[in-house]
Amino acid sequence: MFALISELFSVSYTIRTVALGAAVLGIISGMLGCYAVLRRQALLGDAMSHAALPGIVLAFLLTGGRELPVLLLGAAVAGCVATLLLSAITSSTRIKEDSALGMLLSVFFGFGLVLLTFAQKQPSAAQAGLDTFLFGQAASLVQRDVMTMAIIGAVALTIMLLFWKEFKLLSFDPDFASTLGLPVRLLDIGLTSLIVIAIVIGLQTVGVVLMSAMLVAPAVAARQWTDRLGLMVALAGLFGALAGVVGAVLSATARGLSTGPMIVLSVSMIVVLSLLVAPNRGLIWNWLQQQRTAAVCSTPSRTAIRSRIHQ
């Protein structure tokens, strides 16, 4: 596998670029996705990724071009609007957060499909391929796109590190954070905006439909290996990068295999392995512990043996 990866990277510029872009996406989405998993907001990634679709189409309709930074900016604006609406709905009504997320997901995605249909009927040919953001088109990545993803992601991760203590407290005990005088609502909006950024930079690679898996799966896998947030975030970034590279290489070695779905399948396999073999939490580990406990309980103690001998 390592020899194959080395050969493909040295021969093909496209494979190298796609793999690097997928690795950048895996690192950013995996690290920021830890907060969504710990806060039990796994549906947030799915909702925000679907909410980004109308922003992409509107950015195209307003500018008439398909430059990636412009489209990503439109997606980010739409995601931020959805975040603000989510905060307003949950704070001013009795609607639960999961219900609000489901409602925003369907409304924004439906609006995006309507705009996409309208854009495809325009006489200009520039909109050709705009629907690739639904499922992603990693093969269209170029070095400039990867650099854009890396810069935006680096800014998001830097903000995460600067507010590490605040986001950590918000994730585990928001009530205590509120008693300390921290702006919990503002921190919640800021953290959700960072997750939106992670979603936006992955739309071209894996698409609107599959992006939620890249946000949740690496964090779920990392959670099985540790109880410490710092180590969990690092492992999630590592698992995301590994899945991105492996998925890109596997899609390049066989015809007809899309890169986005292969990346998602790769990270899903990492989740399955983590659920099976991770220490203290893995199913196999728990089964071995149960067998060991049963063996100890079934073995007669020395006191019982001595009492039998005396009898």
Protein backbone atom coordinates (compact mmCIF):
# COMPACT_ATOMS: atom_id res chain seq x y z
CA MET A 1 0.00 0.00 0.00
CA PHE A 2 2.78 2.45 0.94
CA ALA A 3 4.68 1.60 -2.27
CA LEU A 4 1.51 2.13 -4.32
CA ILE A 5 0.82 5.48 -2.66
CA SER A 6 4.42 6.60 -3.24
CA GLU A 7 4.30 5.59 -6.89
CA LEU A 8 0.97 7.27 -7.56
CA PHE A 9 2.06 10.47 -5.83
CA SER A 10 5.24 10.66 -7.89
CA VAL A 11 3.56 9.91 -11.22
CA SER A 12 0.20 11.66 -11.21
CA TYR A 13 -0.25 15.34 -10.41
CA THR A 14 -4.03 14.87 -10.22
CA ILE A 15 -3.85 12.06 -7.67
CA ARG A 16 -1.35 13.99 -5.58
CA THR A 17 -3.53 17.10 -5.60
CA VAL A 18 -6.74 15.23 -4.82
CA ALA A 19 -5.09 13.25 -2.02
CA LEU A 20 -3.65 16.39 -0.45
CA GLY A 21 -7.01 18.14 -0.69
CA ALA A 22 -8.78 15.17 0.87
CA ALA A 23 -6.18 15.03 3.65
CA VAL A 24 -6.65 18.74 4.40
CA LEU A 25 -10.41 18.22 4.48
CA GLY A 26 -10.06 15.20 6.76
CA ILE A 27 -7.88 17.06 9.25
CA ILE A 28 -10.11 20.13 9.48
CA SER A 29 -13.48 18.37 9.49
CA GLY A 30 -12.26 15.68 11.88
CA MET A 31 -10.87 18.11 14.45
CA LEU A 32 -13.82 20.49 14.41
CA GLY A 33 -16.32 17.63 14.19
CA CYS A 34 -15.29 16.50 17.68
CA TYR A 35 -17.29 19.36 19.14
CA ALA A 36 -20.38 18.41 17.16
CA VAL A 37 -20.14 14.82 18.40
CA LEU A 38 -19.47 15.74 22.03
CA ARG A 39 -22.37 18.21 22.04
CA ARG A 40 -24.66 15.59 20.47
CA GLN A 41 -25.16 17.70 17.38
CA ALA A 42 -24.36 15.09 14.75
CA LEU A 43 -27.33 16.29 12.70
CA LEU A 44 -25.77 19.76 12.64
CA GLY A 45 -23.27 18.79 9.94
CA ASP A 46 -25.97 17.34 7.72
CA ALA A 47 -28.19 20.39 8.14
CA MET A 48 -25.44 22.95 7.54
CA SER A 49 -24.06 21.13 4.50
CA HIS A 50 -27.50 21.06 2.89
CA ALA A 51 -28.04 24.69 3.87
CA ALA A 52 -24.90 25.66 1.93
CA LEU A 53 -26.40 24.64 -1.44
CA PRO A 54 -28.54 27.78 -2.01
CA GLY A 55 -25.52 29.94 -1.11
CA ILE A 56 -23.45 28.26 -3.81
CA VAL A 57 -26.11 28.74 -6.48
CA LEU A 58 -26.84 32.33 -5.45
CA ALA A 59 -23.12 33.16 -5.59
CA PHE A 60 -23.02 31.80 -9.13
CA LEU A 61 -26.15 33.69 -10.20
CA LEU A 62 -24.84 36.97 -8.80
CA THR A 63 -21.30 36.72 -10.18
CA GLY A 64 -21.81 34.57 -13.26
CA GLY A 65 -18.62 32.58 -12.58
CA ARG A 66 -17.58 29.33 -10.94
CA GLU A 67 -14.47 30.51 -9.10
CA LEU A 68 -14.16 28.33 -6.01
CA PRO A 69 -13.48 31.12 -3.46
CA VAL A 70 -16.63 32.97 -4.56
CA LEU A 71 -18.80 29.85 -4.38
CA LEU A 72 -17.37 28.90 -0.99
CA LEU A 73 -18.07 32.41 0.26
CA GLY A 74 -21.69 32.05 -0.80
CA ALA A 75 -21.88 28.67 0.93
CA ALA A 76 -20.38 30.13 4.11
CA VAL A 77 -22.88 33.00 4.14
CA ALA A 78 -25.79 30.59 3.70
CA GLY A 79 -24.45 28.37 6.47
CA CYS A 80 -24.06 31.33 8.82
CA VAL A 81 -27.62 32.46 8.05
CA ALA A 82 -28.84 28.95 8.88
CA THR A 83 -26.83 29.06 12.12
CA LEU A 84 -28.41 32.36 13.15
CA LEU A 85 -31.88 31.06 12.30
CA LEU A 86 -31.20 27.93 14.35
CA SER A 87 -30.15 30.03 17.34
CA ALA A 88 -33.18 32.31 16.98
CA ILE A 89 -35.64 29.40 16.68
CA THR A 90 -34.30 27.47 19.67
CA SER A 91 -34.06 30.55 21.91
CA SER A 92 -37.39 32.22 21.10
CA THR A 93 -39.69 29.23 20.56
CA ARG A 94 -40.38 25.87 22.16
CA ILE A 95 -39.06 23.97 19.16
CA LYS A 96 -36.27 21.55 20.11
CA GLU A 97 -32.90 21.81 18.40
CA ASP A 98 -33.21 18.52 16.50
CA SER A 99 -36.59 19.59 15.09
CA ALA A 100 -35.20 22.98 14.09
CA LEU A 101 -32.23 21.32 12.37
CA GLY A 102 -34.49 19.00 10.41
CA MET A 103 -36.69 21.89 9.36
CA LEU A 104 -33.76 24.06 8.27
CA LEU A 105 -32.18 21.14 6.39
CA SER A 106 -35.27 20.49 4.28
CA VAL A 107 -36.14 24.15 3.67
CA PHE A 108 -32.65 25.27 2.64
CA PHE A 109 -31.97 22.17 0.54
CA GLY A 110 -35.31 22.49 -1.24
CA PHE A 111 -34.63 26.17 -1.92
CA GLY A 112 -31.19 25.25 -3.23
CA LEU A 113 -32.62 22.66 -5.63
CA VAL A 114 -35.09 25.22 -6.95
CA LEU A 115 -32.27 27.71 -7.54
CA LEU A 116 -30.15 25.00 -9.14
CA THR A 117 -32.94 24.14 -11.57
CA PHE A 118 -33.34 27.82 -12.41
CA ALA A 119 -29.58 28.23 -12.95
CA GLN A 120 -29.40 25.24 -15.28
CA LYS A 121 -32.00 26.85 -17.54
CA GLN A 122 -29.89 29.95 -18.07
CA PRO A 123 -28.48 30.44 -21.59
CA SER A 124 -24.92 30.74 -20.31
CA ALA A 125 -22.88 27.52 -20.35
CA ALA A 126 -20.88 28.50 -17.27
CA GLN A 127 -23.28 26.72 -14.94
CA ALA A 128 -22.38 23.32 -16.44
CA GLY A 129 -21.22 21.07 -13.63
CA LEU A 130 -22.67 23.23 -10.86
CA ASP A 131 -24.67 20.23 -9.65
CA THR A 132 -21.42 18.40 -8.87
CA PHE A 133 -21.53 20.10 -5.48
CA LEU A 134 -24.34 17.68 -4.57
CA PHE A 135 -22.03 14.64 -4.55
CA GLY A 136 -18.63 16.26 -4.98
CA GLN A 137 -16.05 16.12 -7.72
CA ALA A 138 -12.65 15.72 -6.14
CA ALA A 139 -10.94 15.16 -9.48
CA SER A 140 -11.56 18.81 -10.36
CA LEU A 141 -9.35 20.02 -7.50
CA VAL A 142 -6.28 21.98 -8.51
CA GLN A 143 -3.37 23.22 -6.44
CA ARG A 144 -4.98 26.63 -5.97
CA ASP A 145 -8.11 25.01 -4.54
CA VAL A 146 -6.05 22.98 -2.08
CA MET A 147 -4.21 26.11 -0.96
CA THR A 148 -7.53 27.91 -0.47
CA MET A 149 -8.85 25.03 1.62
CA ALA A 150 -5.66 24.91 3.69
CA ILE A 151 -5.64 28.64 4.42
CA ILE A 152 -9.31 28.79 5.40
CA GLY A 153 -8.95 25.66 7.50
CA ALA A 154 -5.83 26.96 9.22
CA VAL A 155 -7.69 30.11 10.23
CA ALA A 156 -10.57 28.03 11.63
CA LEU A 157 -8.23 25.75 13.60
CA THR A 158 -6.32 28.75 14.94
CA ILE A 159 -9.55 30.24 16.27
CA MET A 160 -10.39 26.88 17.82
CA LEU A 161 -7.05 26.81 19.65
CA LEU A 162 -7.39 30.43 20.81
CA PHE A 163 -10.76 29.65 22.40
CA TRP A 164 -9.83 26.13 23.46
CA LYS A 165 -10.84 26.48 27.13
CA GLU A 166 -14.09 28.28 26.33
CA PHE A 167 -15.16 25.77 23.69
CA LYS A 168 -14.19 22.89 25.96
CA LEU A 169 -16.29 24.24 28.81
CA LEU A 170 -19.16 24.96 26.43
CA SER A 171 -19.10 21.37 25.17
CA PHE A 172 -19.12 19.67 28.58
CA ASP A 173 -20.89 22.07 30.95
CA PRO A 174 -22.61 25.08 29.33
CA ASP A 175 -24.53 25.87 32.54
CA PHE A 176 -21.30 26.26 34.49
CA ALA A 177 -19.90 28.40 31.67
CA SER A 178 -22.93 30.64 31.99
CA THR A 179 -22.41 31.04 35.74
CA LEU A 180 -18.83 32.14 35.07
CA GLY A 181 -20.15 35.00 32.96
CA LEU A 182 -19.06 33.61 29.61
CA PRO A 183 -21.17 34.65 26.58
CA VAL A 184 -22.54 31.16 26.00
CA ARG A 185 -24.85 32.12 23.14
CA LEU A 186 -22.09 33.99 21.32
CA LEU A 187 -19.63 31.13 21.86
CA ASP A 188 -22.23 28.68 20.57
CA ILE A 189 -22.71 30.72 17.39
CA GLY A 190 -18.94 31.03 16.96
CA LEU A 191 -18.33 27.30 17.37
CA THR A 192 -21.15 26.47 14.98
CA SER A 193 -19.68 28.94 12.47
CA LEU A 194 -16.34 27.11 12.65
CA ILE A 195 -18.13 23.85 11.92
CA VAL A 196 -19.83 25.55 8.96
CA ILE A 197 -16.38 26.55 7.66
CA ALA A 198 -15.24 22.92 7.88
CA ILE A 199 -18.32 21.88 5.92
CA VAL A 200 -17.90 24.57 3.27
CA ILE A 201 -14.32 23.67 2.35
CA GLY A 202 -15.32 20.04 1.77
CA LEU A 203 -18.26 20.61 -0.55
CA GLN A 204 -16.24 20.36 -3.75
CA THR A 205 -14.50 17.18 -2.57
CA VAL A 206 -17.32 15.03 -1.14
CA GLY A 207 -20.41 17.14 -1.83
CA VAL A 208 -23.42 18.31 0.13
CA VAL A 209 -24.88 14.85 0.69
CA LEU A 210 -21.79 13.10 2.08
CA MET A 211 -20.11 15.95 3.95
CA SER A 212 -21.78 15.14 7.26
CA ALA A 213 -19.96 11.79 7.34
CA MET A 214 -16.58 13.54 7.14
CA LEU A 215 -17.59 15.72 10.07
CA VAL A 216 -18.91 12.99 12.35
CA ALA A 217 -17.12 9.72 11.49
CA PRO A 218 -13.49 10.67 12.39
CA ALA A 219 -14.66 12.11 15.72
CA VAL A 220 -16.71 8.98 16.50
CA ALA A 221 -13.70 6.78 15.75
CA ALA A 222 -11.38 8.92 17.87
CA ARG A 223 -13.84 8.91 20.78
CA GLN A 224 -13.44 5.14 21.10
CA TRP A 225 -9.72 5.43 21.85
CA THR A 226 -9.54 8.13 24.50
CA ASP A 227 -11.40 10.17 27.11
CA ARG A 228 -9.21 13.27 26.72
CA LEU A 229 -10.38 16.05 24.42
CA GLY A 230 -6.93 17.04 23.18
CA LEU A 231 -6.02 13.50 22.17
CA MET A 232 -9.46 12.96 20.65
CA VAL A 233 -9.10 16.04 18.45
CA ALA A 234 -5.62 14.94 17.32
CA LEU A 235 -6.77 11.39 16.54
CA ALA A 236 -9.82 12.66 14.66
CA GLY A 237 -7.58 14.79 12.44
CA LEU A 238 -5.28 11.82 11.85
CA PHE A 239 -8.16 9.47 11.00
CA GLY A 240 -9.69 12.05 8.66
CA ALA A 241 -6.42 12.60 6.82
CA LEU A 242 -5.79 8.85 6.54
CA ALA A 243 -9.27 8.24 5.14
CA GLY A 244 -8.84 11.06 2.64
CA VAL A 245 -5.55 9.74 1.28
CA VAL A 246 -6.68 6.09 1.19
CA GLY A 247 -9.98 6.97 -0.47
CA ALA A 248 -8.26 9.09 -3.12
CA VAL A 249 -5.75 6.32 -3.90
CA LEU A 250 -8.40 3.60 -4.06
CA SER A 251 -10.57 5.65 -6.39
CA ALA A 252 -7.55 6.21 -8.65
CA THR A 253 -6.69 2.51 -8.91
CA ALA A 254 -10.08 1.44 -10.30
CA ARG A 255 -12.29 2.94 -12.94
CA GLY A 256 -15.76 4.12 -12.11
CA LEU A 257 -15.11 4.69 -8.40
CA SER A 258 -15.92 8.22 -7.26
CA THR A 259 -13.47 9.80 -4.85
CA GLY A 260 -16.01 11.24 -2.41
CA PRO A 261 -17.85 7.98 -1.70
CA MET A 262 -14.54 6.10 -1.43
CA ILE A 263 -13.31 8.59 1.18
CA VAL A 264 -16.53 8.15 3.17
CA LEU A 265 -16.26 4.36 2.94
CA SER A 266 -12.64 4.54 4.12
CA VAL A 267 -13.50 6.61 7.16
CA SER A 268 -16.45 4.28 7.84
CA MET A 269 -14.04 1.33 7.95
CA ILE A 270 -11.92 3.22 10.48
CA VAL A 271 -15.03 3.70 12.60
CA VAL A 272 -15.88 -0.02 12.40
CA LEU A 273 -12.34 -1.04 13.40
CA SER A 274 -12.37 1.44 16.28
CA LEU A 275 -15.68 0.10 17.53
CA LEU A 276 -14.25 -3.42 17.46
CA VAL A 277 -10.67 -3.17 18.77
CA ALA A 278 -10.36 0.11 20.69
CA PRO A 279 -9.20 -0.53 24.29
CA ASN A 280 -11.76 -0.07 27.08
CA ARG A 281 -14.57 0.70 24.61
CA GLY A 282 -14.18 -1.77 21.75
CA LEU A 283 -16.61 -4.67 21.42
CA ILE A 284 -13.81 -7.25 21.28
CA TRP A 285 -12.13 -5.69 24.31
CA ASN A 286 -15.39 -5.77 26.27
CA TRP A 287 -15.98 -9.39 25.26
CA LEU A 288 -12.49 -10.38 26.47
CA GLN A 289 -13.09 -8.55 29.74
CA GLN A 290 -16.39 -10.38 30.22
CA GLN A 291 -14.73 -13.74 29.52
CA ARG A 292 -11.96 -12.95 31.99
CA THR A 293 -14.46 -11.91 34.65
CA ALA A 294 -16.53 -15.04 34.07
CA ALA A 295 -13.41 -17.21 34.38
CA VAL A 296 -12.42 -15.55 37.65
CA CYS A 297 -15.91 -15.90 39.09
CA SER A 298 -16.13 -19.57 38.11
CA THR A 299 -12.75 -20.42 39.71
CA PRO A 300 -13.19 -21.46 43.41
CA SER A 301 -11.30 -19.32 45.87
CA ARG A 302 -8.53 -20.68 48.10
CA THR A 303 -10.68 -20.21 51.19
CA ALA A 304 -13.43 -22.32 49.70
CA ILE A 305 -10.94 -25.04 48.75
CA ARG A 306 -9.43 -25.13 52.25
CA SER A 307 -12.84 -25.34 53.89
CA ARG A 308 -13.73 -28.28 51.68
CA ILE A 309 -10.45 -30.00 52.58
CA HIS A 310 -11.09 -29.55 56.32
CA GLN A 311 -14.59 -30.90 55.91
